[in-house]
């Protein structure tokens, strides 16, 4: 029995189209044959995950699958001769990367595309407010300088593969119960490249690339959110023997600020006030992230009241303007009082007619409460 498509992608049955797409991209990077050479199990998993995405990314086929399971797909969802509905790996990846993704379609000879790389970059709330540039260091593959990416040793060049005549593909004919069947697959001699290296480069052993740790500058726009991703096109690993480089994905993680929190594009500040400040009012200067801000708190301000400074929040990443700065009053009740403070508060309670606890602390401690 085939595995459940939702389980294959690691999402719930109520997942949105964006969640399904994100989960597929992650699984595809992990299982793609280019990242798992000589691993048939990973290749088979990759096919299953790709088929699951093809079905669940289409509203019509997803509805049929939800109601009837895989049997309800009929000829849809890639159940014909091509397990990907005739599109192949490349069509699926092209929806994400616009160029075939991890190596692209292998229908024509040539070096595969390099791997995409991922890294997480921590930022501060100040970085988010004003935008910044950060330098990221990644382990990657770069072009071999000795052979300039060809993989061939000094004074030599790659030669056309005699097995596939440079096409990178070979046709195989076999007999079955249905008659003669012709399949096409990568050439085993050249690995689908269309060329072979007779004398490999001594620096990269014919690979055309070498391992390196590289540094890249990333422009971080103001207003970016934790969890969002920046894509640096062409900053991934280069492909073997002159293959195009992949992309670099920088995942953003914003650290918590000691004073301010973020809600959408608003900044939240919980301002502590004493009961006397709340009762009598106060003029205070708030040190906001973008400068000082005068705040006049009127007498009689209640706990939880908000004061809003428009346009002093986080910039809108997809448009002009900024959110607001919202200051929430948090009235602080003292837990310990001096004798003088207690006396003054008892006088206030007497004038106000408020019933308060007795001044005899021993007697008060013996009174049982119905509440815990």
Protein backbone atom coordinates (compact mmCIF):
# COMPACT_ATOMS: atom_id res chain seq x y z
CA UNK A 1 0.00 0.00 0.00
CA UNK A 2 1.37 3.39 -0.96
CA UNK A 3 2.33 5.82 1.79
CA UNK A 4 -0.05 8.67 2.56
CA UNK A 5 0.89 11.71 0.46
CA UNK A 6 0.49 14.09 3.41
CA UNK A 7 2.75 11.91 5.58
CA UNK A 8 5.35 11.79 2.81
CA UNK A 9 5.56 15.59 2.84
CA UNK A 10 5.27 15.83 6.62
CA UNK A 11 2.20 18.12 6.60
CA UNK A 12 -1.33 17.90 8.01
CA UNK A 13 -4.35 17.25 5.80
CA UNK A 14 -5.45 20.85 6.39
CA UNK A 15 -2.11 22.30 5.22
CA UNK A 16 -2.25 25.33 2.93
CA UNK A 17 -0.80 25.32 -0.59
CA UNK A 18 2.14 27.42 0.65
CA UNK A 19 2.85 24.97 3.50
CA UNK A 20 2.77 22.05 1.07
CA UNK A 21 5.11 23.85 -1.32
CA UNK A 22 7.55 24.72 1.49
CA UNK A 23 7.55 21.15 2.84
CA UNK A 24 8.15 19.72 -0.64
CA UNK A 25 11.05 22.05 -1.29
CA UNK A 26 12.72 20.96 1.94
CA UNK A 27 12.21 17.25 1.25
CA UNK A 28 13.33 17.59 -2.37
CA UNK A 29 16.62 19.19 -1.37
CA UNK A 30 17.33 16.39 1.09
CA UNK A 31 16.43 13.50 -1.23
CA UNK A 32 17.40 14.71 -4.70
CA UNK A 33 19.69 12.24 -6.57
CA UNK A 34 22.33 14.93 -7.07
CA UNK A 35 22.64 15.20 -3.28
CA UNK A 36 22.54 11.43 -2.78
CA UNK A 37 24.66 9.79 -5.49
CA UNK A 38 24.56 5.99 -5.57
CA UNK A 39 21.66 5.90 -3.11
CA UNK A 40 18.69 4.14 -4.76
CA UNK A 41 16.60 4.40 -1.59
CA UNK A 42 16.87 8.21 -1.55
CA UNK A 43 16.06 8.36 -5.27
CA UNK A 44 12.93 6.25 -4.73
CA UNK A 45 11.86 8.48 -1.82
CA UNK A 46 12.46 11.52 -4.00
CA UNK A 47 10.11 10.12 -6.65
CA UNK A 48 7.42 9.42 -4.05
CA UNK A 49 7.70 12.89 -2.53
CA UNK A 50 7.60 14.54 -5.97
CA UNK A 51 4.51 12.56 -6.93
CA UNK A 52 2.84 13.50 -3.64
CA UNK A 53 3.53 17.18 -4.31
CA UNK A 54 2.22 16.98 -7.87
CA UNK A 55 -1.09 15.63 -6.60
CA UNK A 56 -1.49 17.88 -3.55
CA UNK A 57 -0.40 21.08 -5.30
CA UNK A 58 -3.35 20.80 -7.71
CA UNK A 59 -6.76 21.63 -6.20
CA UNK A 60 -8.62 19.15 -8.40
CA UNK A 61 -6.36 16.15 -7.84
CA UNK A 62 -6.01 16.97 -4.14
CA UNK A 63 -9.79 16.94 -3.72
CA UNK A 64 -10.06 13.57 -5.48
CA UNK A 65 -7.22 12.17 -3.37
CA UNK A 66 -8.83 13.41 -0.15
CA UNK A 67 -12.14 11.75 -1.04
CA UNK A 68 -11.07 8.51 -2.68
CA UNK A 69 -7.38 8.07 -1.94
CA UNK A 70 -4.81 7.15 -4.58
CA UNK A 71 -7.28 4.90 -6.36
CA UNK A 72 -9.42 7.91 -7.14
CA UNK A 73 -6.70 9.58 -9.18
CA UNK A 74 -7.13 7.36 -12.19
CA UNK A 75 -4.72 8.60 -14.83
CA UNK A 76 -3.99 11.78 -12.89
CA UNK A 77 -1.18 12.47 -10.49
CA UNK A 78 1.49 10.91 -12.67
CA UNK A 79 0.17 7.34 -12.66
CA UNK A 80 0.92 6.77 -16.33
CA UNK A 81 4.22 5.71 -17.85
CA UNK A 82 5.96 8.79 -16.46
CA UNK A 83 5.53 8.86 -12.68
CA UNK A 84 5.54 12.66 -12.85
CA UNK A 85 2.72 13.02 -15.36
CA UNK A 86 5.04 13.54 -18.31
CA UNK A 87 6.76 16.55 -16.81
CA UNK A 88 9.78 14.86 -15.26
CA UNK A 89 11.86 16.18 -12.37
CA UNK A 90 12.74 19.38 -14.20
CA UNK A 91 9.17 20.64 -14.61
CA UNK A 92 8.49 20.27 -10.91
CA UNK A 93 11.67 22.08 -9.88
CA UNK A 94 11.15 24.75 -12.51
CA UNK A 95 8.02 25.86 -10.65
CA UNK A 96 10.30 26.79 -7.74
CA UNK A 97 13.61 27.79 -9.25
CA UNK A 98 12.82 28.79 -12.83
CA UNK A 99 15.62 26.67 -14.22
CA UNK A 100 15.18 23.05 -13.28
CA UNK A 101 16.44 23.26 -9.70
CA UNK A 102 18.90 20.65 -8.53
CA UNK A 103 20.43 19.79 -11.86
CA UNK A 104 17.37 20.56 -13.97
CA UNK A 105 16.00 18.20 -16.58
CA UNK A 106 18.50 15.57 -17.60
CA UNK A 107 17.09 15.09 -21.08
CA UNK A 108 20.07 16.75 -22.69
CA UNK A 109 23.77 16.31 -22.14
CA UNK A 110 25.63 18.73 -19.96
CA UNK A 111 26.81 19.34 -16.42
CA UNK A 112 24.11 19.47 -13.74
CA UNK A 113 23.26 22.56 -11.73
CA UNK A 114 24.97 22.90 -8.37
CA UNK A 115 23.26 22.40 -5.05
CA UNK A 116 21.28 25.08 -3.26
CA UNK A 117 22.67 26.05 0.12
CA UNK A 118 20.86 27.14 3.29
CA UNK A 119 22.01 29.09 6.33
CA UNK A 120 20.28 30.75 9.30
CA UNK A 121 21.24 34.33 10.16
CA UNK A 122 20.37 35.84 13.53
CA UNK A 123 19.36 39.52 13.57
CA UNK A 124 18.44 42.07 16.22
CA UNK A 125 15.28 44.15 16.34
CA UNK A 126 17.45 47.17 15.50
CA UNK A 127 18.57 45.39 12.31
CA UNK A 128 14.92 44.89 11.42
CA UNK A 129 14.06 48.53 12.11
CA UNK A 130 16.72 50.10 9.95
CA UNK A 131 17.87 47.36 7.56
CA UNK A 132 21.45 46.20 7.52
CA UNK A 133 24.18 44.32 5.71
CA UNK A 134 25.51 41.08 7.15
CA UNK A 135 28.32 38.78 6.08
CA UNK A 136 27.56 35.06 6.00
CA UNK A 137 30.13 32.27 5.74
CA UNK A 138 29.16 29.04 3.96
CA UNK A 139 30.84 25.78 3.07
CA UNK A 140 30.38 25.46 -0.66
CA UNK A 141 31.92 24.33 -3.94
CA UNK A 142 33.69 26.77 -6.25
CA UNK A 143 35.18 26.41 -9.72
CA UNK A 144 38.60 24.76 -9.83
CA UNK A 145 41.14 27.36 -10.94
CA UNK A 146 43.53 24.74 -12.38
CA UNK A 147 41.16 23.48 -15.06
CA UNK A 148 38.72 26.43 -15.05
CA UNK A 149 35.90 24.02 -14.29
CA UNK A 150 36.41 21.60 -17.18
CA UNK A 151 37.78 18.78 -15.02
CA UNK A 152 40.47 18.01 -17.62
CA UNK A 153 44.16 18.00 -16.80
CA UNK A 154 46.57 20.65 -18.10
CA UNK A 155 46.92 20.52 -21.88
CA UNK A 156 43.90 18.24 -22.34
CA UNK A 157 40.18 18.65 -22.94
CA UNK A 158 37.06 16.56 -22.30
CA UNK A 159 36.22 14.28 -25.22
CA UNK A 160 32.84 13.30 -26.62
CA UNK A 161 31.49 10.12 -25.07
CA UNK A 162 31.61 7.24 -27.53
CA UNK A 163 28.79 5.40 -25.75
CA UNK A 164 26.10 8.06 -26.25
CA UNK A 165 27.77 10.15 -28.98
CA UNK A 166 27.58 13.21 -26.76
CA UNK A 167 23.84 13.05 -26.06
CA UNK A 168 24.25 12.01 -22.45
CA UNK A 169 21.38 9.53 -22.88
CA UNK A 170 21.18 5.91 -23.97
CA UNK A 171 18.15 4.00 -25.19
CA UNK A 172 17.43 0.50 -23.96
CA UNK A 173 15.04 -1.93 -25.61
CA UNK A 174 13.49 -4.81 -23.71
CA UNK A 175 10.67 -7.27 -24.28
CA UNK A 176 7.68 -7.37 -21.95
CA UNK A 177 4.21 -8.88 -21.84
CA UNK A 178 3.01 -5.73 -23.57
CA UNK A 179 5.55 -6.00 -26.33
CA UNK A 180 8.74 -4.12 -27.01
CA UNK A 181 9.47 -1.26 -24.61
CA UNK A 182 12.05 1.46 -25.13
CA UNK A 183 13.40 3.42 -22.19
CA UNK A 184 15.89 6.27 -22.08
CA UNK A 185 18.28 6.94 -19.23
CA UNK A 186 21.56 8.64 -18.43
CA UNK A 187 24.60 7.20 -20.12
CA UNK A 188 26.53 5.03 -17.69
CA UNK A 189 29.92 5.84 -19.19
CA UNK A 190 29.75 9.63 -18.98
CA UNK A 191 27.08 9.94 -16.28
CA UNK A 192 24.82 11.95 -18.58
CA UNK A 193 27.49 14.59 -19.25
CA UNK A 194 28.00 13.75 -22.91
CA UNK A 195 31.75 14.00 -22.39
CA UNK A 196 34.38 11.98 -20.57
CA UNK A 197 37.60 13.07 -18.90
CA UNK A 198 40.57 11.05 -20.15
CA UNK A 199 43.18 12.88 -18.06
CA UNK A 200 41.59 14.31 -14.90
CA UNK A 201 42.77 17.58 -13.38
CA UNK A 202 45.10 16.88 -10.46
CA UNK A 203 43.60 19.71 -8.43
CA UNK A 204 39.97 18.55 -8.50
CA UNK A 205 40.33 14.94 -9.75
CA UNK A 206 38.10 15.63 -12.74
CA UNK A 207 35.27 17.18 -10.75
CA UNK A 208 35.82 20.72 -12.07
CA UNK A 209 35.18 22.20 -8.65
CA UNK A 210 36.65 22.17 -5.16
CA UNK A 211 35.44 22.66 -1.60
CA UNK A 212 35.82 26.12 -0.11
CA UNK A 213 34.48 28.34 2.65
CA UNK A 214 33.19 31.55 1.12
CA UNK A 215 31.88 34.82 2.55
CA UNK A 216 28.96 36.70 1.01
CA UNK A 217 27.40 40.07 1.85
CA UNK A 218 23.64 39.98 2.34
CA UNK A 219 21.46 43.10 2.13
CA UNK A 220 18.75 42.74 4.77
CA UNK A 221 15.73 44.97 4.09
CA UNK A 222 14.09 46.89 6.93
CA UNK A 223 10.90 45.26 8.18
CA UNK A 224 11.87 41.64 7.51
CA UNK A 225 10.26 39.11 9.84
CA UNK A 226 11.67 36.19 11.75
CA UNK A 227 11.15 33.05 9.65
CA UNK A 228 11.37 34.80 6.29
CA UNK A 229 14.03 33.78 3.77
CA UNK A 230 16.32 35.82 1.52
CA UNK A 231 17.44 34.22 -1.75
CA UNK A 232 20.86 34.99 -3.22
CA UNK A 233 20.68 33.78 -6.79
CA UNK A 234 23.80 32.01 -8.03
CA UNK A 235 25.50 32.00 -4.62
CA UNK A 236 25.06 28.28 -4.04
CA UNK A 237 27.53 25.54 -4.92
CA UNK A 238 28.74 25.41 -8.52
CA UNK A 239 27.83 22.32 -10.49
CA UNK A 240 30.45 19.74 -11.48
CA UNK A 241 32.49 20.44 -14.61
CA UNK A 242 31.13 23.89 -15.34
CA UNK A 243 27.55 23.38 -14.14
CA UNK A 244 25.59 26.48 -13.13
CA UNK A 245 25.68 27.38 -9.44
CA UNK A 246 22.69 26.86 -7.20
CA UNK A 247 21.21 29.53 -4.95
CA UNK A 248 21.90 30.50 -1.35
CA UNK A 249 18.90 30.73 0.99
CA UNK A 250 19.38 32.83 4.12
CA UNK A 251 16.74 32.10 6.77
CA UNK A 252 16.18 34.99 9.17
CA UNK A 253 15.86 34.56 12.94
CA UNK A 254 15.24 37.77 14.94
CA UNK A 255 16.35 37.76 18.58
CA UNK A 256 14.02 39.06 21.29
CA UNK A 257 14.60 42.63 22.47
CA UNK A 258 14.88 43.31 26.20
CA UNK A 259 12.32 46.17 26.10
CA UNK A 260 10.30 46.00 22.89
CA UNK A 261 8.19 43.26 21.32
CA UNK A 262 6.85 43.12 17.77
CA UNK A 263 3.22 42.51 16.76
CA UNK A 264 2.89 42.56 12.96
CA UNK A 265 4.60 45.90 12.21
CA UNK A 266 3.77 47.50 15.56
CA UNK A 267 6.25 47.80 18.40
CA UNK A 268 4.98 47.10 21.91
CA UNK A 269 6.51 48.60 25.06
CA UNK A 270 5.20 47.72 28.51
CA UNK A 271 5.86 50.83 30.59
CA UNK A 272 5.96 50.33 34.36
CA UNK A 273 4.27 53.04 36.46
CA UNK A 274 3.93 53.29 40.22
CA UNK A 275 0.45 53.68 41.67
CA UNK A 276 1.24 57.31 42.51
CA UNK A 277 2.39 58.03 38.95
CA UNK A 278 -0.75 56.43 37.55
CA UNK A 279 -2.94 58.34 39.99
CA UNK A 280 -1.25 61.74 39.74
CA UNK A 281 0.10 61.60 36.19
CA UNK A 282 3.66 61.94 34.97
CA UNK A 283 5.73 63.33 32.11
CA UNK A 284 8.36 60.85 30.94
CA UNK A 285 10.80 60.47 28.04
CA UNK A 286 10.80 57.09 26.34
CA UNK A 287 13.98 55.86 24.65
CA UNK A 288 12.48 54.35 21.48
CA UNK A 289 14.53 52.43 18.93
CA UNK A 290 14.59 55.44 16.61
CA UNK A 291 15.10 58.19 19.19
CA UNK A 292 13.50 59.83 22.23
CA UNK A 293 9.75 60.22 22.55
CA UNK A 294 7.88 62.50 24.99
CA UNK A 295 4.97 60.82 26.75
CA UNK A 296 2.52 62.64 29.03
CA UNK A 297 0.55 60.22 31.20
CA UNK A 298 -2.58 61.94 32.55
CA UNK A 299 -3.72 61.57 36.15
CA UNK A 300 -5.97 58.59 36.78
CA UNK A 301 -4.42 56.38 34.09
CA UNK A 302 -5.54 52.77 34.47
CA UNK A 303 -3.45 49.62 34.19
CA UNK A 304 -3.43 48.31 30.60
CA UNK A 305 -4.15 51.64 28.89
CA UNK A 306 -2.35 52.10 25.57
CA UNK A 307 -0.72 55.21 24.17
CA UNK A 308 -0.04 55.11 20.42
CA UNK A 309 2.70 56.93 18.53
CA UNK A 310 1.75 56.57 14.86
CA UNK A 311 4.47 55.75 12.37
CA UNK A 312 7.10 54.95 15.00
CA UNK A 313 6.98 51.17 14.58
CA UNK A 314 8.64 48.75 12.16
CA UNK A 315 8.83 49.69 8.43
CA UNK A 316 6.43 47.86 6.10
CA UNK A 317 8.63 45.53 4.06
CA UNK A 318 6.28 45.45 1.07
CA UNK A 319 5.30 49.10 0.97
CA UNK A 320 5.84 52.58 2.30
CA UNK A 321 5.28 53.70 5.85
CA UNK A 322 5.73 52.10 9.23
CA UNK A 323 3.67 50.51 11.95
CA UNK A 324 2.94 52.20 15.26
CA UNK A 325 4.65 52.26 18.65
CA UNK A 326 2.14 51.16 21.30
CA UNK A 327 2.99 51.91 24.93
CA UNK A 328 1.01 49.81 27.41
CA UNK A 329 0.79 50.97 31.02
CA UNK A 330 1.74 48.39 33.63
CA UNK A 331 0.90 49.72 37.10
CA UNK A 332 3.35 48.30 39.63
CA UNK A 333 1.97 47.62 43.11
CA UNK A 334 4.72 47.65 45.75
CA UNK A 335 5.22 44.36 47.57
CA UNK A 336 7.09 45.91 50.51
CA UNK A 337 6.28 49.19 52.23
CA UNK A 338 8.18 51.28 54.72
CA UNK A 339 6.32 52.33 57.86
CA UNK A 340 5.96 55.85 56.46
CA UNK A 341 4.60 54.60 53.13
CA UNK A 342 2.11 52.33 54.87
CA UNK A 343 0.93 55.15 57.10
CA UNK A 344 0.38 57.45 54.13
CA UNK A 345 -1.54 54.79 52.22
CA UNK A 346 -3.74 54.07 55.22
CA UNK A 347 -4.55 57.77 55.47
CA UNK A 348 -5.46 57.75 51.76
CA UNK A 349 -7.67 54.72 52.29
CA UNK A 350 -9.36 56.40 55.25
CA UNK A 351 -10.05 59.57 53.27
CA UNK A 352 -11.29 57.52 50.30
CA UNK A 353 -13.47 55.31 52.46
CA UNK A 354 -11.73 52.17 51.27
CA UNK A 355 -11.82 49.05 53.41
CA UNK A 356 -8.30 47.66 53.83
CA UNK A 357 -6.55 44.99 55.87
CA UNK A 358 -5.95 45.61 59.54
CA UNK A 359 -2.63 47.02 60.62
CA UNK A 360 -2.24 44.06 63.02
CA UNK A 361 -0.32 41.70 60.74
CA UNK A 362 -0.49 38.79 63.21
CA UNK A 363 -4.26 39.02 63.43
CA UNK A 364 -4.59 39.41 59.65
CA UNK A 365 -2.47 36.32 59.02
CA UNK A 366 -4.85 34.18 61.10
CA UNK A 367 -7.89 35.09 58.98
CA UNK A 368 -8.82 32.22 56.66
CA UNK A 369 -9.63 33.01 53.04
CA UNK A 370 -12.03 31.00 50.89
CA UNK A 371 -9.66 31.50 47.98
CA UNK A 372 -6.19 30.07 47.46
